[in-house]
Amino acid sequence: MNEDAFNISLRGFLKKVGITSQREIEAAIRGALADGRLKGNETIPARMTLHLGGIDFTHVVEARIDLE
């Protein structure tokens, strides 16, 4: 395995996940605030599931997102 290529590829993937996830979460929260599904003082449970195809690996991260 080429460690440099692996590191570059992995960092690119993680950057894409971080940026796109933040945008999607922000849009979903703002939409829910706009249409009244959220008031703006909630704590939202969040779960991110990572799956690597071909090696049957799954990793779940759970956290809470505070709006206030």
C-alpha atoms as a PDB file:
ATOM      1  CA  MET A   1       0.000   0.000   0.000  1.00  0.00           C
ATOM      2  CA  ASN A   2       1.193   3.490  -0.810  1.00  0.00           C
ATOM      3  CA  GLU A   3       0.900   5.327   2.511  1.00  0.00           C
ATOM      4  CA  ASP A   4       1.072   8.782   0.937  1.00  0.00           C
ATOM      5  CA  ALA A   5      -1.678   8.044  -1.590  1.00  0.00           C
ATOM      6  CA  PHE A   6      -3.808   6.469   1.147  1.00  0.00           C
ATOM      7  CA  ASN A   7      -3.363   9.476   3.458  1.00  0.00           C
ATOM      8  CA  ILE A   8      -4.195  11.984   0.710  1.00  0.00           C
ATOM      9  CA  SER A   9      -7.255  10.021  -0.355  1.00  0.00           C
ATOM     10  CA  LEU A  10      -8.474   9.546   3.224  1.00  0.00           C
ATOM     11  CA  ARG A  11      -8.006  13.223   4.091  1.00  0.00           C
ATOM     12  CA  GLY A  12      -9.910  14.212   0.946  1.00  0.00           C
ATOM     13  CA  PHE A  13     -12.772  11.907   1.872  1.00  0.00           C
ATOM     14  CA  LEU A  14     -12.934  13.207   5.449  1.00  0.00           C
ATOM     15  CA  LYS A  15     -12.842  16.822   4.253  1.00  0.00           C
ATOM     16  CA  LYS A  16     -15.724  16.129   1.870  1.00  0.00           C
ATOM     17  CA  VAL A  17     -17.712  14.384   4.617  1.00  0.00           C
ATOM     18  CA  GLY A  18     -17.137  17.244   7.053  1.00  0.00           C
ATOM     19  CA  ILE A  19     -17.990  20.066   4.665  1.00  0.00           C
ATOM     20  CA  THR A  20     -21.027  18.443   3.053  1.00  0.00           C
ATOM     21  CA  SER A  21     -22.373  17.154   6.374  1.00  0.00           C
ATOM     22  CA  GLN A  22     -22.141  20.578   7.985  1.00  0.00           C
ATOM     23  CA  ARG A  23     -23.963  22.189   5.045  1.00  0.00           C
ATOM     24  CA  GLU A  24     -26.730  19.569   5.078  1.00  0.00           C
ATOM     25  CA  ILE A  25     -27.199  19.768   8.852  1.00  0.00           C
ATOM     26  CA  GLU A  26     -27.341  23.567   8.759  1.00  0.00           C
ATOM     27  CA  ALA A  27     -29.902  23.499   5.927  1.00  0.00           C
ATOM     28  CA  ALA A  28     -32.041  20.886   7.703  1.00  0.00           C
ATOM     29  CA  ILE A  29     -32.008  22.791  10.999  1.00  0.00           C
ATOM     30  CA  ARG A  30     -32.789  26.122   9.335  1.00  0.00           C
ATOM     31  CA  GLY A  31     -35.619  24.514   7.374  1.00  0.00           C
ATOM     32  CA  ALA A  32     -37.072  22.961  10.517  1.00  0.00           C
ATOM     33  CA  LEU A  33     -36.858  26.316  12.301  1.00  0.00           C
ATOM     34  CA  ALA A  34     -38.538  28.090   9.389  1.00  0.00           C
ATOM     35  CA  ASP A  35     -41.478  25.703   9.194  1.00  0.00           C
ATOM     36  CA  GLY A  36     -41.972  25.409  12.942  1.00  0.00           C
ATOM     37  CA  ARG A  37     -40.748  21.860  13.524  1.00  0.00           C
ATOM     38  CA  LEU A  38     -38.084  23.325  15.817  1.00  0.00           C
ATOM     39  CA  LYS A  39     -38.291  26.275  18.207  1.00  0.00           C
ATOM     40  CA  GLY A  40     -34.557  26.947  18.432  1.00  0.00           C
ATOM     41  CA  ASN A  41     -33.901  25.867  21.998  1.00  0.00           C
ATOM     42  CA  GLU A  42     -33.677  22.106  21.440  1.00  0.00           C
ATOM     43  CA  THR A  43     -30.846  19.636  21.676  1.00  0.00           C
ATOM     44  CA  ILE A  44     -30.936  17.402  18.608  1.00  0.00           C
ATOM     45  CA  PRO A  45     -29.594  13.838  18.745  1.00  0.00           C
ATOM     46  CA  ALA A  46     -27.342  13.102  15.777  1.00  0.00           C
ATOM     47  CA  ARG A  47     -25.892   9.889  14.383  1.00  0.00           C
ATOM     48  CA  MET A  48     -23.355   9.427  11.596  1.00  0.00           C
ATOM     49  CA  THR A  49     -22.766   5.966  10.176  1.00  0.00           C
ATOM     50  CA  LEU A  50     -19.614   5.202   8.222  1.00  0.00           C
ATOM     51  CA  HIS A  51     -19.493   2.039   6.156  1.00  0.00           C
ATOM     52  CA  LEU A  52     -16.501   0.778   4.217  1.00  0.00           C
ATOM     53  CA  GLY A  53     -17.610  -1.490   1.406  1.00  0.00           C
ATOM     54  CA  GLY A  54     -15.584  -4.562   0.656  1.00  0.00           C
ATOM     55  CA  ILE A  55     -14.364  -5.135   4.208  1.00  0.00           C
ATOM     56  CA  ASP A  56     -17.665  -5.141   6.127  1.00  0.00           C
ATOM     57  CA  PHE A  57     -16.664  -2.289   8.440  1.00  0.00           C
ATOM     58  CA  THR A  58     -19.201   0.028  10.072  1.00  0.00           C
ATOM     59  CA  HIS A  59     -18.514   2.793  12.576  1.00  0.00           C
ATOM     60  CA  VAL A  60     -21.243   4.838  14.270  1.00  0.00           C
ATOM     61  CA  VAL A  61     -20.706   8.219  15.929  1.00  0.00           C
ATOM     62  CA  GLU A  62     -23.465   9.654  18.106  1.00  0.00           C
ATOM     63  CA  ALA A  63     -23.641  13.108  19.607  1.00  0.00           C
ATOM     64  CA  ARG A  64     -26.046  15.890  20.414  1.00  0.00           C
ATOM     65  CA  ILE A  65     -26.303  19.226  18.635  1.00  0.00           C
ATOM     66  CA  ASP A  66     -27.313  22.082  20.925  1.00  0.00           C
ATOM     67  CA  LEU A  67     -29.295  24.892  19.323  1.00  0.00           C
ATOM     68  CA  GLU A  68     -29.109  27.134  22.361  1.00  0.00           C
END
